[in-house]
Each structure stands twice: as structure tokens, then as C-alpha cells.
């Protein structure tokens, strides 16, 4: 499912104009990204949490040059689904 599919479905279910729905969806995504960029987590009860994970500094290897490099500590975005979300997926998704 793409962003366009999400916008189309929300617009058809709510009766709102697609441009309004698109602006709302894009504002939501911008808000989540800017909050996470500041180091804040975003919690959506019943859906999940957008969290900032901290990765420690580690040593890596460039095998083509046979050198060792230090990868600095950094933050990465992650999503942790709620228990309700996980249970719904487990009960509805068919294994291929």
C-alpha cells in the first residue's frame, strides 16, 4: 500500500477531499519525523510507537581494502507495534 492508496481510502471512507487528506497525512509524517529528529518518541495508543534507538560505537571492517574503521554512535528510527496490532496481524495474515 502506498501513500496515494492510504489517501484514497481515507478520502472515500470519510468523504473528505483528497487534497485535504493528503495534506493531513503529509503533516502527520512531517510531525513524526521532526519529533524523532529532536530525539522524542511518538506513542500512538493501540497502534504502536515510533522510537529513536541508539546504536553504540563499533568497529567495522572494509574487506576490500583490508582495513578497520570505527563506526560512530548514532541514532536510528524504529517502529514498535502495539500488542493489539501484533495480535490482529497474527490472526489475519495467512502464511504463504
PDB file of N, CA and C in Angstrom:
ATOM      1  N   UNK A   1       0.847  -1.175   0.000  1.00  0.00           N
ATOM      2  CA  UNK A   1       0.000   0.000   0.000  1.00  0.00           C
ATOM      3  C   UNK A   1       0.898   1.245   0.000  1.00  0.00           C
ATOM      4  N   UNK A   2       0.581   2.172  -0.857  1.00  0.00           N
ATOM      5  CA  UNK A   2       1.359   3.402  -0.962  1.00  0.00           C
ATOM      6  C   UNK A   2       0.634   4.546  -0.256  1.00  0.00           C
ATOM      7  N   UNK A   3       1.323   5.688  -0.180  1.00  0.00           N
ATOM      8  CA  UNK A   3       0.705   6.870   0.421  1.00  0.00           C
ATOM      9  C   UNK A   3      -0.545   7.278  -0.363  1.00  0.00           C
ATOM     10  N   UNK A   4      -0.481   7.164  -1.672  1.00  0.00           N
ATOM     11  CA  UNK A   4      -1.641   7.505  -2.506  1.00  0.00           C
ATOM     12  C   UNK A   4      -2.824   6.577  -2.202  1.00  0.00           C
ATOM     13  N   UNK A   5      -2.539   5.297  -1.974  1.00  0.00           N
ATOM     14  CA  UNK A   5      -3.598   4.349  -1.617  1.00  0.00           C
ATOM     15  C   UNK A   5      -4.222   4.699  -0.271  1.00  0.00           C
ATOM     16  N   UNK A   6      -3.395   5.081   0.680  1.00  0.00           N
ATOM     17  CA  UNK A   6      -3.883   5.469   2.008  1.00  0.00           C
ATOM     18  C   UNK A   6      -4.775   6.705   1.895  1.00  0.00           C
ATOM     19  N   UNK A   7      -4.310   7.701   1.143  1.00  0.00           N
ATOM     20  CA  UNK A   7      -5.084   8.930   0.959  1.00  0.00           C
ATOM     21  C   UNK A   7      -6.422   8.619   0.296  1.00  0.00           C
ATOM     22  N   UNK A   8      -6.414   7.787  -0.734  1.00  0.00           N
ATOM     23  CA  UNK A   8      -7.650   7.439  -1.443  1.00  0.00           C
ATOM     24  C   UNK A   8      -8.628   6.715  -0.517  1.00  0.00           C
ATOM     25  N   UNK A   9      -8.136   5.799   0.292  1.00  0.00           N
ATOM     26  CA  UNK A   9      -9.024   5.055   1.188  1.00  0.00           C
ATOM     27  C   UNK A   9      -9.616   5.956   2.262  1.00  0.00           C
ATOM     28  N   UNK A  10      -8.783   6.818   2.858  1.00  0.00           N
ATOM     29  CA  UNK A  10      -9.282   7.738   3.889  1.00  0.00           C
ATOM     30  C   UNK A  10     -10.311   8.699   3.283  1.00  0.00           C
ATOM     31  N   UNK A  11     -10.015   9.204   2.096  1.00  0.00           N
ATOM     32  CA  UNK A  11     -10.937  10.131   1.438  1.00  0.00           C
ATOM     33  C   UNK A  11     -12.281   9.459   1.149  1.00  0.00           C
ATOM     34  N   UNK A  12     -12.254   8.211   0.694  1.00  0.00           N
ATOM     35  CA  UNK A  12     -13.517   7.536   0.375  1.00  0.00           C
ATOM     36  C   UNK A  12     -14.295   7.177   1.638  1.00  0.00           C
ATOM     37  N   UNK A  13     -13.602   6.826   2.735  1.00  0.00           N
ATOM     38  CA  UNK A  13     -14.298   6.444   3.963  1.00  0.00           C
ATOM     39  C   UNK A  13     -14.826   7.634   4.753  1.00  0.00           C
ATOM     40  N   UNK A  14     -14.164   8.793   4.628  1.00  0.00           N
ATOM     41  CA  UNK A  14     -14.586   9.965   5.401  1.00  0.00           C
ATOM     42  C   UNK A  14     -15.387  10.970   4.590  1.00  0.00           C
ATOM     43  N   UNK A  15     -15.273  10.903   3.272  1.00  0.00           N
ATOM     44  CA  UNK A  15     -15.960  11.870   2.430  1.00  0.00           C
ATOM     45  C   UNK A  15     -15.211  13.185   2.302  1.00  0.00           C
ATOM     46  N   UNK A  16     -14.007  13.244   2.852  1.00  0.00           N
ATOM     47  CA  UNK A  16     -13.198  14.460   2.735  1.00  0.00           C
ATOM     48  C   UNK A  16     -12.544  14.523   1.364  1.00  0.00           C
ATOM     49  N   UNK A  17     -12.150  15.731   0.975  1.00  0.00           N
ATOM     50  CA  UNK A  17     -11.461  15.950  -0.288  1.00  0.00           C
ATOM     51  C   UNK A  17     -10.069  15.332  -0.220  1.00  0.00           C
ATOM     52  N   UNK A  18      -9.618  14.740  -1.337  1.00  0.00           N
ATOM     53  CA  UNK A  18      -8.300  14.082  -1.362  1.00  0.00           C
ATOM     54  C   UNK A  18      -7.160  15.041  -1.033  1.00  0.00           C
ATOM     55  N   UNK A  19      -7.243  16.292  -1.477  1.00  0.00           N
ATOM     56  CA  UNK A  19      -6.156  17.230  -1.194  1.00  0.00           C
ATOM     57  C   UNK A  19      -6.056  17.523   0.298  1.00  0.00           C
ATOM     58  N   UNK A  20      -7.208  17.594   0.982  1.00  0.00           N
ATOM     59  CA  UNK A  20      -7.195  17.808   2.436  1.00  0.00           C
ATOM     60  C   UNK A  20      -6.603  16.606   3.151  1.00  0.00           C
ATOM     61  N   UNK A  21      -6.979  15.418   2.706  1.00  0.00           N
ATOM     62  CA  UNK A  21      -6.463  14.191   3.322  1.00  0.00           C
ATOM     63  C   UNK A  21      -4.962  14.087   3.074  1.00  0.00           C
ATOM     64  N   UNK A  22      -4.522  14.384   1.859  1.00  0.00           N
ATOM     65  CA  UNK A  22      -3.093  14.331   1.543  1.00  0.00           C
ATOM     66  C   UNK A  22      -2.312  15.288   2.427  1.00  0.00           C
ATOM     67  N   UNK A  23      -2.821  16.508   2.590  1.00  0.00           N
ATOM     68  CA  UNK A  23      -2.146  17.491   3.441  1.00  0.00           C
ATOM     69  C   UNK A  23      -2.076  16.990   4.887  1.00  0.00           C
ATOM     70  N   UNK A  24      -3.154  16.362   5.368  1.00  0.00           N
ATOM     71  CA  UNK A  24      -3.180  15.832   6.725  1.00  0.00           C
ATOM     72  C   UNK A  24      -2.168  14.706   6.902  1.00  0.00           C
ATOM     73  N   UNK A  25      -2.129  13.783   5.954  1.00  0.00           N
ATOM     74  CA  UNK A  25      -1.193  12.653   6.032  1.00  0.00           C
ATOM     75  C   UNK A  25       0.246  13.156   5.985  1.00  0.00           C
ATOM     76  N   UNK A  26       0.540  14.092   5.084  1.00  0.00           N
ATOM     77  CA  UNK A  26       1.898  14.626   4.981  1.00  0.00           C
ATOM     78  C   UNK A  26       2.283  15.410   6.228  1.00  0.00           C
ATOM     79  N   UNK A  27       1.341  16.144   6.813  1.00  0.00           N
ATOM     80  CA  UNK A  27       1.615  16.870   8.057  1.00  0.00           C
ATOM     81  C   UNK A  27       1.883  15.896   9.192  1.00  0.00           C
ATOM     82  N   UNK A  28       1.132  14.803   9.257  1.00  0.00           N
ATOM     83  CA  UNK A  28       1.367  13.774  10.269  1.00  0.00           C
ATOM     84  C   UNK A  28       2.780  13.208  10.136  1.00  0.00           C
ATOM     85  N   UNK A  29       3.170  12.856   8.914  1.00  0.00           N
ATOM     86  CA  UNK A  29       4.501  12.280   8.704  1.00  0.00           C
ATOM     87  C   UNK A  29       5.597  13.288   9.033  1.00  0.00           C
ATOM     88  N   UNK A  30       5.411  14.538   8.661  1.00  0.00           N
ATOM     89  CA  UNK A  30       6.392  15.582   8.971  1.00  0.00           C
ATOM     90  C   UNK A  30       6.519  15.777  10.470  1.00  0.00           C
ATOM     91  N   UNK A  31       5.386  15.746  11.177  1.00  0.00           N
ATOM     92  CA  UNK A  31       5.396  15.919  12.624  1.00  0.00           C
ATOM     93  C   UNK A  31       6.135  14.769  13.301  1.00  0.00           C
ATOM     94  N   UNK A  32       5.883  13.541  12.869  1.00  0.00           N
ATOM     95  CA  UNK A  32       6.567  12.377  13.443  1.00  0.00           C
ATOM     96  C   UNK A  32       8.068  12.482  13.180  1.00  0.00           C
ATOM     97  N   UNK A  33       8.456  12.805  11.942  1.00  0.00           N
ATOM     98  CA  UNK A  33       9.876  12.910  11.605  1.00  0.00           C
ATOM     99  C   UNK A  33      10.573  14.007  12.401  1.00  0.00           C
ATOM    100  N   UNK A  34       9.945  15.164  12.532  1.00  0.00           N
ATOM    101  CA  UNK A  34      10.597  16.260  13.256  1.00  0.00           C
ATOM    102  C   UNK A  34      10.692  15.952  14.747  1.00  0.00           C
ATOM    103  N   UNK A  35       9.687  15.297  15.301  1.00  0.00           N
ATOM    104  CA  UNK A  35       9.760  14.907  16.714  1.00  0.00           C
ATOM    105  C   UNK A  35      10.881  13.915  16.946  1.00  0.00           C
ATOM    106  N   UNK A  36      11.003  12.949  16.061  1.00  0.00           N
ATOM    107  CA  UNK A  36      12.064  11.946  16.209  1.00  0.00           C
ATOM    108  C   UNK A  36      13.439  12.553  15.966  1.00  0.00           C
ATOM    109  N   UNK A  37      13.534  13.524  15.063  1.00  0.00           N
ATOM    110  CA  UNK A  37      14.810  14.187  14.806  1.00  0.00           C
ATOM    111  C   UNK A  37      15.309  14.927  16.045  1.00  0.00           C
ATOM    112  N   UNK A  38      14.356  15.379  16.885  1.00  0.00           N
ATOM    113  CA  UNK A  38      14.721  16.040  18.140  1.00  0.00           C
ATOM    114  C   UNK A  38      15.014  15.028  19.251  1.00  0.00           C
ATOM    115  N   UNK A  39      14.820  13.733  18.959  1.00  0.00           N
ATOM    116  CA  UNK A  39      15.081  12.699  19.953  1.00  0.00           C
ATOM    117  C   UNK A  39      13.857  12.272  20.745  1.00  0.00           C
ATOM    118  N   UNK A  40      12.677  12.792  20.378  1.00  0.00           N
ATOM    119  CA  UNK A  40      11.440  12.438  21.077  1.00  0.00           C
ATOM    120  C   UNK A  40      10.788  11.228  20.408  1.00  0.00           C
ATOM    121  N   UNK A  41      10.231  10.341  21.226  1.00  0.00           N
ATOM    122  CA  UNK A  41       9.466   9.207  20.714  1.00  0.00           C
ATOM    123  C   UNK A  41       8.020   9.633  20.501  1.00  0.00           C
ATOM    124  N   UNK A  42       7.317   8.940  19.601  1.00  0.00           N
ATOM    125  CA  UNK A  42       5.917   9.228  19.311  1.00  0.00           C
ATOM    126  C   UNK A  42       5.112   7.978  19.645  1.00  0.00           C
ATOM    127  N   UNK A  43       4.145   8.119  20.558  1.00  0.00           N
ATOM    128  CA  UNK A  43       3.346   6.991  21.008  1.00  0.00           C
ATOM    129  C   UNK A  43       1.914   7.131  20.506  1.00  0.00           C
ATOM    130  N   UNK A  44       1.417   6.115  19.800  1.00  0.00           N
ATOM    131  CA  UNK A  44       0.044   6.089  19.310  1.00  0.00           C
ATOM    132  C   UNK A  44      -0.638   4.871  19.928  1.00  0.00           C
ATOM    133  N   UNK A  45      -1.412   5.101  20.980  1.00  0.00           N
ATOM    134  CA  UNK A  45      -2.052   4.010  21.718  1.00  0.00           C
ATOM    135  C   UNK A  45      -2.904   3.149  20.798  1.00  0.00           C
ATOM    136  N   UNK A  46      -2.729   1.838  20.893  1.00  0.00           N
ATOM    137  CA  UNK A  46      -3.470   0.894  20.073  1.00  0.00           C
ATOM    138  C   UNK A  46      -2.856   0.663  18.706  1.00  0.00           C
ATOM    139  N   UNK A  47      -1.847   1.447  18.334  1.00  0.00           N
ATOM    140  CA  UNK A  47      -1.191   1.298  17.032  1.00  0.00           C
ATOM    141  C   UNK A  47       0.268   0.905  17.216  1.00  0.00           C
ATOM    142  N   UNK A  48       1.032   1.757  17.904  1.00  0.00           N
ATOM    143  CA  UNK A  48       2.436   1.460  18.128  1.00  0.00           C
ATOM    144  C   UNK A  48       3.216   2.708  18.464  1.00  0.00           C
ATOM    145  N   UNK A  49       4.523   2.543  18.545  1.00  0.00           N
ATOM    146  CA  UNK A  49       5.412   3.643  18.915  1.00  0.00           C
ATOM    147  C   UNK A  49       6.501   3.816  17.869  1.00  0.00           C
ATOM    148  N   UNK A  50       6.728   5.057  17.489  1.00  0.00           N
ATOM    149  CA  UNK A  50       7.875   5.410  16.664  1.00  0.00           C
ATOM    150  C   UNK A  50       8.953   5.823  17.651  1.00  0.00           C
ATOM    151  N   UNK A  51      10.035   5.040  17.721  1.00  0.00           N
ATOM    152  CA  UNK A  51      11.044   5.283  18.741  1.00  0.00           C
ATOM    153  C   UNK A  51      12.400   5.554  18.101  1.00  0.00           C
ATOM    154  N   UNK A  52      13.230   6.260  18.863  1.00  0.00           N
ATOM    155  CA  UNK A  52      14.595   6.531  18.443  1.00  0.00           C
ATOM    156  C   UNK A  52      15.490   5.538  19.172  1.00  0.00           C
ATOM    157  N   UNK A  53      16.187   4.692  18.410  1.00  0.00           N
ATOM    158  CA  UNK A  53      17.107   3.720  19.001  1.00  0.00           C
ATOM    159  C   UNK A  53      18.526   4.266  18.899  1.00  0.00           C
ATOM    160  N   UNK A  54      19.280   4.041  19.940  1.00  0.00           N
ATOM    161  CA  UNK A  54      20.664   4.487  19.967  1.00  0.00           C
ATOM    162  C   UNK A  54      21.583   3.307  19.665  1.00  0.00           C
ATOM    163  N   UNK A  55      22.430   3.478  18.689  1.00  0.00           N
ATOM    164  CA  UNK A  55      23.411   2.460  18.323  1.00  0.00           C
ATOM    165  C   UNK A  55      24.759   2.879  18.897  1.00  0.00           C
ATOM    166  N   UNK A  56      25.422   1.962  19.550  1.00  0.00           N
ATOM    167  CA  UNK A  56      26.721   2.247  20.155  1.00  0.00           C
ATOM    168  C   UNK A  56      27.812   2.293  19.087  1.00  0.00           C
ATOM    169  N   UNK A  57      28.925   2.920  19.429  1.00  0.00           N
ATOM    170  CA  UNK A  57      30.078   2.940  18.530  1.00  0.00           C
ATOM    171  C   UNK A  57      30.586   1.515  18.372  1.00  0.00           C
ATOM    172  N   UNK A  58      30.995   1.169  17.161  1.00  0.00           N
ATOM    173  CA  UNK A  58      31.514  -0.174  16.937  1.00  0.00           C
ATOM    174  C   UNK A  58      32.601  -0.155  15.883  1.00  0.00           C
ATOM    175  N   UNK A  59      33.332  -1.243  15.821  1.00  0.00           N
ATOM    176  CA  UNK A  59      34.404  -1.385  14.856  1.00  0.00           C
ATOM    177  C   UNK A  59      33.904  -2.202  13.686  1.00  0.00           C
ATOM    178  N   UNK A  60      34.153  -1.704  12.485  1.00  0.00           N
ATOM    179  CA  UNK A  60      33.762  -2.411  11.272  1.00  0.00           C
ATOM    180  C   UNK A  60      34.985  -2.674  10.418  1.00  0.00           C
ATOM    181  N   UNK A  61      34.787  -3.496   9.393  1.00  0.00           N
ATOM    182  CA  UNK A  61      35.913  -3.819   8.513  1.00  0.00           C
ATOM    183  C   UNK A  61      35.535  -3.555   7.072  1.00  0.00           C
ATOM    184  N   UNK A  62      36.470  -2.959   6.342  1.00  0.00           N
ATOM    185  CA  UNK A  62      36.334  -2.810   4.901  1.00  0.00           C
ATOM    186  C   UNK A  62      37.136  -3.961   4.304  1.00  0.00           C
ATOM    187  N   UNK A  63      36.453  -5.034   3.909  1.00  0.00           N
ATOM    188  CA  UNK A  63      37.169  -6.233   3.490  1.00  0.00           C
ATOM    189  C   UNK A  63      37.884  -6.070   2.150  1.00  0.00           C
ATOM    190  N   UNK A  64      37.426  -5.137   1.313  1.00  0.00           N
ATOM    191  CA  UNK A  64      38.104  -4.954   0.033  1.00  0.00           C
ATOM    192  C   UNK A  64      39.464  -4.276   0.219  1.00  0.00           C
ATOM    193  N   UNK A  65      39.584  -3.371   1.196  1.00  0.00           N
ATOM    194  CA  UNK A  65      40.852  -2.683   1.462  1.00  0.00           C
ATOM    195  C   UNK A  65      41.597  -3.290   2.641  1.00  0.00           C
ATOM    196  N   UNK A  66      40.963  -4.265   3.313  1.00  0.00           N
ATOM    197  CA  UNK A  66      41.548  -4.929   4.481  1.00  0.00           C
ATOM    198  C   UNK A  66      41.934  -3.927   5.562  1.00  0.00           C
ATOM    199  N   UNK A  67      40.997  -3.002   5.835  1.00  0.00           N
ATOM    200  CA  UNK A  67      41.214  -2.005   6.884  1.00  0.00           C
ATOM    201  C   UNK A  67      40.089  -2.076   7.897  1.00  0.00           C
ATOM    202  N   UNK A  68      40.368  -1.548   9.061  1.00  0.00           N
ATOM    203  CA  UNK A  68      39.370  -1.472  10.121  1.00  0.00           C
ATOM    204  C   UNK A  68      38.940  -0.023  10.269  1.00  0.00           C
ATOM    205  N   UNK A  69      37.642   0.186  10.421  1.00  0.00           N
ATOM    206  CA  UNK A  69      37.124   1.536  10.600  1.00  0.00           C
ATOM    207  C   UNK A  69      36.255   1.575  11.854  1.00  0.00           C
ATOM    208  N   UNK A  70      36.141   2.757  12.423  1.00  0.00           N
ATOM    209  CA  UNK A  70      35.287   2.934  13.591  1.00  0.00           C
ATOM    210  C   UNK A  70      33.983   3.567  13.121  1.00  0.00           C
ATOM    211  N   UNK A  71      32.871   2.892  13.414  1.00  0.00           N
ATOM    212  CA  UNK A  71      31.550   3.421  13.072  1.00  0.00           C
ATOM    213  C   UNK A  71      31.056   4.159  14.310  1.00  0.00           C
ATOM    214  N   UNK A  72      30.852   5.468  14.224  1.00  0.00           N
ATOM    215  CA  UNK A  72      30.484   6.243  15.416  1.00  0.00           C
ATOM    216  C   UNK A  72      29.089   5.890  15.930  1.00  0.00           C
ATOM    217  N   UNK A  73      28.834   6.208  17.181  1.00  0.00           N
ATOM    218  CA  UNK A  73      27.499   6.022  17.760  1.00  0.00           C
ATOM    219  C   UNK A  73      26.514   6.887  16.984  1.00  0.00           C
ATOM    220  N   UNK A  74      25.301   6.376  16.799  1.00  0.00           N
ATOM    221  CA  UNK A  74      24.300   7.120  16.050  1.00  0.00           C
ATOM    222  C   UNK A  74      22.906   6.655  16.464  1.00  0.00           C
ATOM    223  N   UNK A  75      21.912   7.435  16.060  1.00  0.00           N
ATOM    224  CA  UNK A  75      20.515   7.114  16.335  1.00  0.00           C
ATOM    225  C   UNK A  75      19.846   6.649  15.052  1.00  0.00           C
ATOM    226  N   UNK A  76      18.879   5.708  15.206  1.00  0.00           N
ATOM    227  CA  UNK A  76      18.110   5.260  14.059  1.00  0.00           C
ATOM    228  C   UNK A  76      16.626   5.247  14.434  1.00  0.00           C
ATOM    229  N   UNK A  77      15.743   5.512  13.469  1.00  0.00           N
ATOM    230  CA  UNK A  77      14.315   5.435  13.761  1.00  0.00           C
ATOM    231  C   UNK A  77      13.854   3.983  13.722  1.00  0.00           C
ATOM    232  N   UNK A  78      12.863   3.670  14.552  1.00  0.00           N
ATOM    233  CA  UNK A  78      12.302   2.319  14.579  1.00  0.00           C
ATOM    234  C   UNK A  78      10.820   2.408  14.909  1.00  0.00           C
ATOM    235  N   UNK A  79      10.086   1.365  14.563  1.00  0.00           N
ATOM    236  CA  UNK A  79       8.667   1.284  14.885  1.00  0.00           C
ATOM    237  C   UNK A  79       8.433   0.037  15.703  1.00  0.00           C
ATOM    238  N   UNK A  80       7.729   0.185  16.808  1.00  0.00           N
ATOM    239  CA  UNK A  80       7.376  -0.956  17.649  1.00  0.00           C
ATOM    240  C   UNK A  80       5.853  -1.026  17.704  1.00  0.00           C
ATOM    241  N   UNK A  81       5.256  -2.059  17.096  1.00  0.00           N
ATOM    242  CA  UNK A  81       3.792  -2.149  17.088  1.00  0.00           C
ATOM    243  C   UNK A  81       3.246  -2.481  18.471  1.00  0.00           C
ATOM    244  N   UNK A  82       1.995  -2.060  18.718  1.00  0.00           N
ATOM    245  CA  UNK A  82       1.346  -2.369  19.993  1.00  0.00           C
ATOM    246  C   UNK A  82       0.957  -3.842  20.020  1.00  0.00           C
ATOM    247  N   UNK A  83       0.647  -4.340  21.206  1.00  0.00           N
ATOM    248  CA  UNK A  83       0.249  -5.742  21.341  1.00  0.00           C
ATOM    249  C   UNK A  83      -1.006  -6.039  20.531  1.00  0.00           C
ATOM    250  N   UNK A  84      -1.969  -5.095  20.552  1.00  0.00           N
ATOM    251  CA  UNK A  84      -3.199  -5.284  19.788  1.00  0.00           C
ATOM    252  C   UNK A  84      -2.908  -5.380  18.296  1.00  0.00           C
ATOM    253  N   UNK A  85      -2.008  -4.546  17.815  1.00  0.00           N
ATOM    254  CA  UNK A  85      -1.606  -4.538  16.413  1.00  0.00           C
ATOM    255  C   UNK A  85      -1.015  -5.901  16.047  1.00  0.00           C
ATOM    256  N   UNK A  86      -0.081  -6.383  16.856  1.00  0.00           N
ATOM    257  CA  UNK A  86       0.589  -7.657  16.591  1.00  0.00           C
ATOM    258  C   UNK A  86      -0.416  -8.801  16.579  1.00  0.00           C
ATOM    259  N   UNK A  87      -1.318  -8.827  17.545  1.00  0.00           N
ATOM    260  CA  UNK A  87      -2.310  -9.901  17.619  1.00  0.00           C
ATOM    261  C   UNK A  87      -3.243  -9.882  16.406  1.00  0.00           C
ATOM    262  N   UNK A  88      -3.638  -8.702  15.947  1.00  0.00           N
ATOM    263  CA  UNK A  88      -4.502  -8.604  14.781  1.00  0.00           C
ATOM    264  C   UNK A  88      -3.807  -9.132  13.541  1.00  0.00           C
ATOM    265  N   UNK A  89      -2.538  -8.799  13.391  1.00  0.00           N
ATOM    266  CA  UNK A  89      -1.774  -9.274  12.235  1.00  0.00           C
ATOM    267  C   UNK A  89      -1.606 -10.782  12.309  1.00  0.00           C
ATOM    268  N   UNK A  90      -1.267 -11.294  13.480  1.00  0.00           N
ATOM    269  CA  UNK A  90      -1.075 -12.740  13.622  1.00  0.00           C
ATOM    270  C   UNK A  90      -2.337 -13.520  13.276  1.00  0.00           C
ATOM    271  N   UNK A  91      -3.489 -12.996  13.661  1.00  0.00           N
ATOM    272  CA  UNK A  91      -4.723 -13.728  13.443  1.00  0.00           C
ATOM    273  C   UNK A  91      -5.285 -13.571  12.026  1.00  0.00           C
ATOM    274  N   UNK A  92      -4.873 -12.533  11.294  1.00  0.00           N
ATOM    275  CA  UNK A  92      -5.458 -12.275   9.973  1.00  0.00           C
ATOM    276  C   UNK A  92      -4.554 -12.585   8.785  1.00  0.00           C
ATOM    277  N   UNK A  93      -3.260 -12.588   8.971  1.00  0.00           N
ATOM    278  CA  UNK A  93      -2.352 -12.790   7.847  1.00  0.00           C
ATOM    279  C   UNK A  93      -2.142 -14.284   7.631  1.00  0.00           C
ATOM    280  N   UNK A  94      -2.305 -14.697   6.388  1.00  0.00           N
ATOM    281  CA  UNK A  94      -2.114 -16.105   6.042  1.00  0.00           C
ATOM    282  C   UNK A  94      -0.689 -16.327   5.594  1.00  0.00           C
ATOM    283  N   UNK A  95      -0.077 -17.400   6.063  1.00  0.00           N
ATOM    284  CA  UNK A  95       1.304 -17.729   5.706  1.00  0.00           C
ATOM    285  C   UNK A  95       1.321 -18.287   4.297  1.00  0.00           C
ATOM    286  N   UNK A  96       2.273 -17.822   3.498  1.00  0.00           N
ATOM    287  CA  UNK A  96       2.364 -18.263   2.093  1.00  0.00           C
ATOM    288  C   UNK A  96       3.082 -19.577   1.993  1.00  0.00           C
TER     289      UNK A  96
END
